[in-house]
Amino acid sequence: AVQRDPQNEIYHFRYGLLLTDSHAPAAGILRLQEALKQFPTSARIWLALGIAQLTYGQNTEAENSFKQSLALDTKLVPALAYLGMTYSERGAYEKAISFYEQAIALNGQLAALHYLVGETMLQSSDADTTRAEKYLKRAIELDPNLAPAYLTWGRLYARTNRYDEAAPLLERAVSLQPELLEAHYQLSRVLVKLKRTDEANRELAIFKQLSEKQKARNESREIVRRLANVRF
């Protein structure tokens, strides 16, 4: 498609993301940098370049690309979300939350953004758990199938010893996303506290089985990646 219509900016954007998602981010970076010579003011291509760079481990370069994308389009929700995530991964939680909330102000109907705020708030040692819970509840209202939101909400209840309330949330998480590793682990711990030993052992066995099959997944990165298609 790019060869047949080289002036089509969206094709270059999609091609770059396709290479990145196909575990070839280095090739994606190269193609997107070439595309920027043709479309230097394309916010979406700068966004795709940032995604490819982040996937390739070039975090500083990725942050600069996301900022360039926002300089060209201040209302670009995925770029705001990605910037929030890069700060969250560095432990700059307040700054991350600020970017996520800017994105929510532009599009408050995206469940992923509410989840990301709640998840990030709970990373802090002095987390405002009431506020975080409101964001997680809103995320689930907007998307009842968002498994990581149930996991985070259940984890919140578990750490405040509200095991009876945590269990159904974690059970919902594993039913929606059976490969969600941490959900099985957290559920097993909660079931032990509730003296549901057989169920706890079963969840722990599933956790161990999944651990052998997969590396730990970065759920926040995966969710932010989905946002790249929101406007495009």
C-alpha atoms as a PDB file:
ATOM      1  CA  ALA A   1       0.000   0.000   0.000  1.00  0.00           C
ATOM      2  CA  VAL A   2       2.862   2.388   0.813  1.00  0.00           C
ATOM      3  CA  GLN A   3       4.538   1.656  -2.524  1.00  0.00           C
ATOM      4  CA  ARG A   4       1.312   2.233  -4.456  1.00  0.00           C
ATOM      5  CA  ASP A   5       0.385   5.393  -2.576  1.00  0.00           C
ATOM      6  CA  PRO A   6       3.567   6.894  -1.058  1.00  0.00           C
ATOM      7  CA  GLN A   7       1.790  10.181  -0.323  1.00  0.00           C
ATOM      8  CA  ASN A   8      -0.632   8.497   2.062  1.00  0.00           C
ATOM      9  CA  GLU A   9       0.474   9.507   5.543  1.00  0.00           C
ATOM     10  CA  ILE A  10      -1.815   6.992   7.280  1.00  0.00           C
ATOM     11  CA  TYR A  11      -0.229   4.096   5.380  1.00  0.00           C
ATOM     12  CA  HIS A  12       3.211   5.100   6.666  1.00  0.00           C
ATOM     13  CA  PHE A  13       1.807   5.372  10.203  1.00  0.00           C
ATOM     14  CA  ARG A  14       0.160   1.949  10.014  1.00  0.00           C
ATOM     15  CA  TYR A  15       3.217   0.344   8.462  1.00  0.00           C
ATOM     16  CA  GLY A  16       5.461   1.626  11.241  1.00  0.00           C
ATOM     17  CA  LEU A  17       3.132   0.290  13.923  1.00  0.00           C
ATOM     18  CA  LEU A  18       2.768  -3.022  12.110  1.00  0.00           C
ATOM     19  CA  LEU A  19       6.536  -3.506  12.110  1.00  0.00           C
ATOM     20  CA  THR A  20       6.669  -2.636  15.800  1.00  0.00           C
ATOM     21  CA  ASP A  21       3.850  -5.015  16.681  1.00  0.00           C
ATOM     22  CA  SER A  22       5.545  -7.724  14.592  1.00  0.00           C
ATOM     23  CA  HIS A  23       8.576  -7.603  16.909  1.00  0.00           C
ATOM     24  CA  ALA A  24      10.614  -5.549  14.463  1.00  0.00           C
ATOM     25  CA  PRO A  25      10.738  -2.143  16.190  1.00  0.00           C
ATOM     26  CA  ALA A  26      14.175  -1.323  14.783  1.00  0.00           C
ATOM     27  CA  ALA A  27      12.762  -1.635  11.267  1.00  0.00           C
ATOM     28  CA  GLY A  28       9.761   0.404  12.367  1.00  0.00           C
ATOM     29  CA  ILE A  29      12.033   3.183  13.612  1.00  0.00           C
ATOM     30  CA  LEU A  30      13.904   3.242  10.312  1.00  0.00           C
ATOM     31  CA  ARG A  31      10.744   3.388   8.200  1.00  0.00           C
ATOM     32  CA  LEU A  32       9.111   6.031  10.376  1.00  0.00           C
ATOM     33  CA  GLN A  33      12.223   8.208  10.343  1.00  0.00           C
ATOM     34  CA  GLU A  34      12.156   7.966   6.555  1.00  0.00           C
ATOM     35  CA  ALA A  35       8.477   8.908   6.574  1.00  0.00           C
ATOM     36  CA  LEU A  36       9.203  11.978   8.700  1.00  0.00           C
ATOM     37  CA  LYS A  37      11.435  13.346   5.949  1.00  0.00           C
ATOM     38  CA  GLN A  38       8.294  13.411   3.830  1.00  0.00           C
ATOM     39  CA  PHE A  39       5.837  14.337   6.609  1.00  0.00           C
ATOM     40  CA  PRO A  40       7.877  16.317   9.191  1.00  0.00           C
ATOM     41  CA  THR A  41       4.763  17.868  10.759  1.00  0.00           C
ATOM     42  CA  SER A  42       2.784  14.639  11.089  1.00  0.00           C
ATOM     43  CA  ALA A  43       1.797  14.221  14.748  1.00  0.00           C
ATOM     44  CA  ARG A  44       0.705  10.637  14.171  1.00  0.00           C
ATOM     45  CA  ILE A  45       4.009   9.580  12.607  1.00  0.00           C
ATOM     46  CA  TRP A  46       5.928  11.148  15.498  1.00  0.00           C
ATOM     47  CA  LEU A  47       3.626   9.180  17.809  1.00  0.00           C
ATOM     48  CA  ALA A  48       4.308   5.918  15.963  1.00  0.00           C
ATOM     49  CA  LEU A  49       8.051   6.641  16.067  1.00  0.00           C
ATOM     50  CA  GLY A  50       7.836   7.112  19.832  1.00  0.00           C
ATOM     51  CA  ILE A  51       6.015   3.797  20.205  1.00  0.00           C
ATOM     52  CA  ALA A  52       8.647   2.003  18.127  1.00  0.00           C
ATOM     53  CA  GLN A  53      11.476   3.632  20.087  1.00  0.00           C
ATOM     54  CA  LEU A  54       9.885   2.747  23.418  1.00  0.00           C
ATOM     55  CA  THR A  55       9.424  -0.857  22.312  1.00  0.00           C
ATOM     56  CA  TYR A  56      13.072  -0.958  21.255  1.00  0.00           C
ATOM     57  CA  GLY A  57      14.203   0.372  24.630  1.00  0.00           C
ATOM     58  CA  GLN A  58      15.056   3.895  23.485  1.00  0.00           C
ATOM     59  CA  ASN A  59      13.097   5.548  26.266  1.00  0.00           C
ATOM     60  CA  THR A  60      14.648   9.020  26.091  1.00  0.00           C
ATOM     61  CA  GLU A  61      14.203   9.194  22.327  1.00  0.00           C
ATOM     62  CA  ALA A  62      10.633   7.945  22.691  1.00  0.00           C
ATOM     63  CA  GLU A  63       9.779  10.653  25.210  1.00  0.00           C
ATOM     64  CA  ASN A  64      11.135  13.308  22.853  1.00  0.00           C
ATOM     65  CA  SER A  65       9.067  11.889  19.977  1.00  0.00           C
ATOM     66  CA  PHE A  66       5.886  11.924  22.071  1.00  0.00           C
ATOM     67  CA  LYS A  67       6.569  15.532  23.049  1.00  0.00           C
ATOM     68  CA  GLN A  68       7.133  16.455  19.411  1.00  0.00           C
ATOM     69  CA  SER A  69       3.860  14.769  18.546  1.00  0.00           C
ATOM     70  CA  LEU A  70       2.062  16.843  21.188  1.00  0.00           C
ATOM     71  CA  ALA A  71       3.751  20.030  20.017  1.00  0.00           C
ATOM     72  CA  LEU A  72       2.101  19.406  16.653  1.00  0.00           C
ATOM     73  CA  ASP A  73      -1.262  18.310  18.083  1.00  0.00           C
ATOM     74  CA  THR A  74      -1.934  19.300  21.693  1.00  0.00           C
ATOM     75  CA  LYS A  75      -5.100  17.181  21.757  1.00  0.00           C
ATOM     76  CA  LEU A  76      -3.454  13.918  20.776  1.00  0.00           C
ATOM     77  CA  VAL A  77      -4.783  11.583  23.485  1.00  0.00           C
ATOM     78  CA  PRO A  78      -2.472   8.598  22.802  1.00  0.00           C
ATOM     79  CA  ALA A  79       0.631  10.810  23.026  1.00  0.00           C
ATOM     80  CA  LEU A  80      -0.536  12.164  26.385  1.00  0.00           C
ATOM     81  CA  ALA A  81      -1.144   8.618  27.601  1.00  0.00           C
ATOM     82  CA  TYR A  82       2.269   7.436  26.448  1.00  0.00           C
ATOM     83  CA  LEU A  83       4.000  10.358  28.111  1.00  0.00           C
ATOM     84  CA  GLY A  84       2.132   9.552  31.304  1.00  0.00           C
ATOM     85  CA  MET A  85       3.321   5.977  31.123  1.00  0.00           C
ATOM     86  CA  THR A  86       6.964   6.926  30.554  1.00  0.00           C
ATOM     87  CA  TYR A  87       6.881   9.096  33.698  1.00  0.00           C
ATOM     88  CA  SER A  88       5.064   6.394  35.668  1.00  0.00           C
ATOM     89  CA  GLU A  89       7.745   3.848  34.778  1.00  0.00           C
ATOM     90  CA  ARG A  90      10.358   6.253  36.154  1.00  0.00           C
ATOM     91  CA  GLY A  91       8.440   6.690  39.413  1.00  0.00           C
ATOM     92  CA  ALA A  92       7.308  10.254  38.631  1.00  0.00           C
ATOM     93  CA  TYR A  93       3.732   9.370  39.510  1.00  0.00           C
ATOM     94  CA  GLU A  94       2.278  12.854  39.948  1.00  0.00           C
ATOM     95  CA  LYS A  95       3.568  13.943  36.573  1.00  0.00           C
ATOM     96  CA  ALA A  96       2.221  10.750  35.021  1.00  0.00           C
ATOM     97  CA  ILE A  97      -1.200  11.318  36.551  1.00  0.00           C
ATOM     98  CA  SER A  98      -1.184  14.883  35.220  1.00  0.00           C
ATOM     99  CA  PHE A  99      -0.738  13.632  31.641  1.00  0.00           C
ATOM    100  CA  TYR A 100      -3.405  10.953  32.068  1.00  0.00           C
ATOM    101  CA  GLU A 101      -5.857  13.488  33.448  1.00  0.00           C
ATOM    102  CA  GLN A 102      -5.148  15.854  30.553  1.00  0.00           C
ATOM    103  CA  ALA A 103      -6.068  12.971  28.254  1.00  0.00           C
ATOM    104  CA  ILE A 104      -9.269  12.295  30.233  1.00  0.00           C
ATOM    105  CA  ALA A 105     -10.210  15.966  29.907  1.00  0.00           C
ATOM    106  CA  LEU A 106     -10.059  15.513  26.133  1.00  0.00           C
ATOM    107  CA  ASN A 107     -11.838  12.158  26.055  1.00  0.00           C
ATOM    108  CA  GLY A 108     -13.431  11.034  29.294  1.00  0.00           C
ATOM    109  CA  GLN A 109     -15.054   7.968  27.736  1.00  0.00           C
ATOM    110  CA  LEU A 110     -11.872   5.902  27.471  1.00  0.00           C
ATOM    111  CA  ALA A 111     -11.854   3.306  30.230  1.00  0.00           C
ATOM    112  CA  ALA A 112      -8.126   2.686  29.790  1.00  0.00           C
ATOM    113  CA  LEU A 113      -7.268   6.227  30.884  1.00  0.00           C
ATOM    114  CA  HIS A 114      -9.255   5.944  34.111  1.00  0.00           C
ATOM    115  CA  TYR A 115      -7.613   2.600  34.815  1.00  0.00           C
ATOM    116  CA  LEU A 116      -4.151   4.082  34.249  1.00  0.00           C
ATOM    117  CA  VAL A 117      -4.801   6.912  36.715  1.00  0.00           C
ATOM    118  CA  GLY A 118      -6.048   4.513  39.385  1.00  0.00           C
ATOM    119  CA  GLU A 119      -3.181   2.077  38.821  1.00  0.00           C
ATOM    120  CA  THR A 120      -0.596   4.879  38.938  1.00  0.00           C
ATOM    121  CA  MET A 121      -2.046   6.413  42.094  1.00  0.00           C
ATOM    122  CA  LEU A 122      -1.670   3.115  43.900  1.00  0.00           C
ATOM    123  CA  GLN A 123       2.052   2.986  43.087  1.00  0.00           C
ATOM    124  CA  SER A 124       2.674   5.800  45.556  1.00  0.00           C
ATOM    125  CA  SER A 125       3.489   4.981  49.184  1.00  0.00           C
ATOM    126  CA  ASP A 126       0.966   7.593  50.344  1.00  0.00           C
ATOM    127  CA  ALA A 127      -1.688   6.731  47.784  1.00  0.00           C
ATOM    128  CA  ASP A 128      -5.091   8.391  47.900  1.00  0.00           C
ATOM    129  CA  THR A 129      -6.939   5.076  47.821  1.00  0.00           C
ATOM    130  CA  THR A 130     -10.404   6.644  47.818  1.00  0.00           C
ATOM    131  CA  ARG A 131      -9.603   8.697  44.736  1.00  0.00           C
ATOM    132  CA  ALA A 132      -7.911   5.750  43.046  1.00  0.00           C
ATOM    133  CA  GLU A 133     -10.945   3.566  43.693  1.00  0.00           C
ATOM    134  CA  LYS A 134     -13.213   6.128  42.027  1.00  0.00           C
ATOM    135  CA  TYR A 135     -11.087   6.011  38.882  1.00  0.00           C
ATOM    136  CA  LEU A 136     -11.076   2.203  38.842  1.00  0.00           C
ATOM    137  CA  LYS A 137     -14.834   2.086  39.343  1.00  0.00           C
ATOM    138  CA  ARG A 138     -15.302   4.502  36.454  1.00  0.00           C
ATOM    139  CA  ALA A 139     -13.001   2.411  34.257  1.00  0.00           C
ATOM    140  CA  ILE A 140     -15.168  -0.648  34.849  1.00  0.00           C
ATOM    141  CA  GLU A 141     -18.350   1.333  34.247  1.00  0.00           C
ATOM    142  CA  LEU A 142     -16.977   2.359  30.857  1.00  0.00           C
ATOM    143  CA  ASP A 143     -15.616  -1.079  30.024  1.00  0.00           C
ATOM    144  CA  PRO A 144     -17.013  -3.972  32.113  1.00  0.00           C
ATOM    145  CA  ASN A 145     -14.515  -6.313  30.428  1.00  0.00           C
ATOM    146  CA  LEU A 146     -11.316  -4.468  31.386  1.00  0.00           C
ATOM    147  CA  ALA A 147      -9.633  -7.234  33.380  1.00  0.00           C
ATOM    148  CA  PRO A 148      -6.610  -5.228  34.651  1.00  0.00           C
ATOM    149  CA  ALA A 149      -8.997  -2.749  36.312  1.00  0.00           C
ATOM    150  CA  TYR A 150     -10.632  -5.564  38.288  1.00  0.00           C
ATOM    151  CA  LEU A 151      -7.178  -6.835  39.233  1.00  0.00           C
ATOM    152  CA  THR A 152      -6.008  -3.456  40.496  1.00  0.00           C
ATOM    153  CA  TRP A 153      -9.247  -2.837  42.385  1.00  0.00           C
ATOM    154  CA  GLY A 154      -9.082  -6.294  43.945  1.00  0.00           C
ATOM    155  CA  ARG A 155      -5.443  -5.727  44.895  1.00  0.00           C
ATOM    156  CA  LEU A 156      -6.446  -2.464  46.556  1.00  0.00           C
ATOM    157  CA  TYR A 157      -9.059  -4.224  48.689  1.00  0.00           C
ATOM    158  CA  ALA A 158      -6.638  -7.026  49.528  1.00  0.00           C
ATOM    159  CA  ARG A 159      -4.008  -4.672  50.856  1.00  0.00           C
ATOM    160  CA  THR A 160      -6.589  -3.090  53.162  1.00  0.00           C
ATOM    161  CA  ASN A 161      -7.721  -6.553  54.353  1.00  0.00           C
ATOM    162  CA  ARG A 162     -11.106  -6.335  52.622  1.00  0.00           C
ATOM    163  CA  TYR A 163     -10.805  -9.897  51.387  1.00  0.00           C
ATOM    164  CA  ASP A 164     -14.510 -10.603  50.942  1.00  0.00           C
ATOM    165  CA  GLU A 165     -14.719  -7.659  48.540  1.00  0.00           C
ATOM    166  CA  ALA A 166     -11.416  -8.428  46.828  1.00  0.00           C
ATOM    167  CA  ALA A 167     -12.261 -12.028  45.915  1.00  0.00           C
ATOM    168  CA  PRO A 168     -15.115 -11.378  43.418  1.00  0.00           C
ATOM    169  CA  LEU A 169     -13.114  -8.644  41.689  1.00  0.00           C
ATOM    170  CA  LEU A 170     -10.120 -10.926  41.245  1.00  0.00           C
ATOM    171  CA  GLU A 171     -12.353 -13.787  40.150  1.00  0.00           C
ATOM    172  CA  ARG A 172     -13.828 -11.495  37.527  1.00  0.00           C
ATOM    173  CA  ALA A 173     -10.326 -10.557  36.354  1.00  0.00           C
ATOM    174  CA  VAL A 174      -9.256 -14.177  35.799  1.00  0.00           C
ATOM    175  CA  SER A 175     -12.531 -15.066  34.124  1.00  0.00           C
ATOM    176  CA  LEU A 176     -12.109 -12.192  31.653  1.00  0.00           C
ATOM    177  CA  GLN A 177      -8.400 -12.744  31.030  1.00  0.00           C
ATOM    178  CA  PRO A 178      -7.324 -16.246  32.085  1.00  0.00           C
ATOM    179  CA  GLU A 179      -3.687 -15.571  31.172  1.00  0.00           C
ATOM    180  CA  LEU A 180      -3.468 -12.570  33.517  1.00  0.00           C
ATOM    181  CA  LEU A 181      -0.658 -13.880  35.683  1.00  0.00           C
ATOM    182  CA  GLU A 182      -0.847 -11.569  38.675  1.00  0.00           C
ATOM    183  CA  ALA A 183      -4.612 -11.963  38.982  1.00  0.00           C
ATOM    184  CA  HIS A 184      -4.212 -15.682  39.728  1.00  0.00           C
ATOM    185  CA  TYR A 185      -1.484 -14.945  42.258  1.00  0.00           C
ATOM    186  CA  GLN A 186      -3.472 -12.253  44.053  1.00  0.00           C
ATOM    187  CA  LEU A 187      -6.601 -14.403  44.021  1.00  0.00           C
ATOM    188  CA  SER A 188      -4.735 -17.325  45.569  1.00  0.00           C
ATOM    189  CA  ARG A 189      -3.527 -15.074  48.419  1.00  0.00           C
ATOM    190  CA  VAL A 190      -7.019 -13.720  49.042  1.00  0.00           C
ATOM    191  CA  LEU A 191      -8.566 -17.194  49.029  1.00  0.00           C
ATOM    192  CA  VAL A 192      -6.027 -18.317  51.634  1.00  0.00           C
ATOM    193  CA  LYS A 193      -7.140 -15.444  53.863  1.00  0.00           C
ATOM    194  CA  LEU A 194     -10.752 -16.526  53.341  1.00  0.00           C
ATOM    195  CA  LYS A 195      -9.784 -20.120  54.242  1.00  0.00           C
ATOM    196  CA  ARG A 196     -10.898 -21.376  50.820  1.00  0.00           C
ATOM    197  CA  THR A 197      -7.833 -23.598  50.678  1.00  0.00           C
ATOM    198  CA  ASP A 198      -8.660 -25.889  47.755  1.00  0.00           C
ATOM    199  CA  GLU A 199      -9.520 -22.943  45.507  1.00  0.00           C
ATOM    200  CA  ALA A 200      -6.396 -21.105  46.650  1.00  0.00           C
ATOM    201  CA  ASN A 201      -4.212 -24.078  45.753  1.00  0.00           C
ATOM    202  CA  ARG A 202      -5.843 -24.323  42.348  1.00  0.00           C
ATOM    203  CA  GLU A 203      -5.171 -20.654  41.602  1.00  0.00           C
ATOM    204  CA  LEU A 204      -1.587 -20.983  42.791  1.00  0.00           C
ATOM    205  CA  ALA A 205      -1.092 -23.965  40.497  1.00  0.00           C
ATOM    206  CA  ILE A 206      -2.460 -21.976  37.560  1.00  0.00           C
ATOM    207  CA  PHE A 207      -0.129 -19.112  38.464  1.00  0.00           C
ATOM    208  CA  LYS A 208       2.900 -21.413  38.494  1.00  0.00           C
ATOM    209  CA  GLN A 209       1.877 -22.999  35.201  1.00  0.00           C
ATOM    210  CA  LEU A 210       1.445 -19.621  33.529  1.00  0.00           C
ATOM    211  CA  SER A 211       4.732 -18.384  34.989  1.00  0.00           C
ATOM    212  CA  GLU A 212       6.567 -21.124  33.144  1.00  0.00           C
ATOM    213  CA  LYS A 213       4.889 -20.266  29.852  1.00  0.00           C
ATOM    214  CA  GLN A 214       5.137 -16.501  29.775  1.00  0.00           C
ATOM    215  CA  LYS A 215       7.256 -13.631  30.896  1.00  0.00           C
ATOM    216  CA  ALA A 216       5.662 -10.987  33.073  1.00  0.00           C
ATOM    217  CA  ARG A 217       3.482  -8.784  30.919  1.00  0.00           C
ATOM    218  CA  ASN A 218       3.391  -5.033  31.218  1.00  0.00           C
ATOM    219  CA  GLU A 219      -0.375  -4.512  31.225  1.00  0.00           C
ATOM    220  CA  SER A 220      -0.117  -0.718  31.295  1.00  0.00           C
ATOM    221  CA  ARG A 221       2.029  -0.674  28.153  1.00  0.00           C
ATOM    222  CA  GLU A 222      -0.365  -2.993  26.387  1.00  0.00           C
ATOM    223  CA  ILE A 223      -3.361  -0.845  27.307  1.00  0.00           C
ATOM    224  CA  VAL A 224      -1.676   2.382  26.228  1.00  0.00           C
ATOM    225  CA  ARG A 225      -0.722   0.698  22.952  1.00  0.00           C
ATOM    226  CA  ARG A 226      -4.424   0.127  22.209  1.00  0.00           C
ATOM    227  CA  LEU A 227      -5.023   3.865  22.534  1.00  0.00           C
ATOM    228  CA  ALA A 228      -2.814   4.528  19.513  1.00  0.00           C
ATOM    229  CA  ASN A 229      -5.760   3.480  17.358  1.00  0.00           C
ATOM    230  CA  VAL A 230      -8.347   5.647  19.117  1.00  0.00           C
ATOM    231  CA  ARG A 231      -8.150   8.543  16.701  1.00  0.00           C
ATOM    232  CA  PHE A 232      -6.592   6.819  13.735  1.00  0.00           C
END
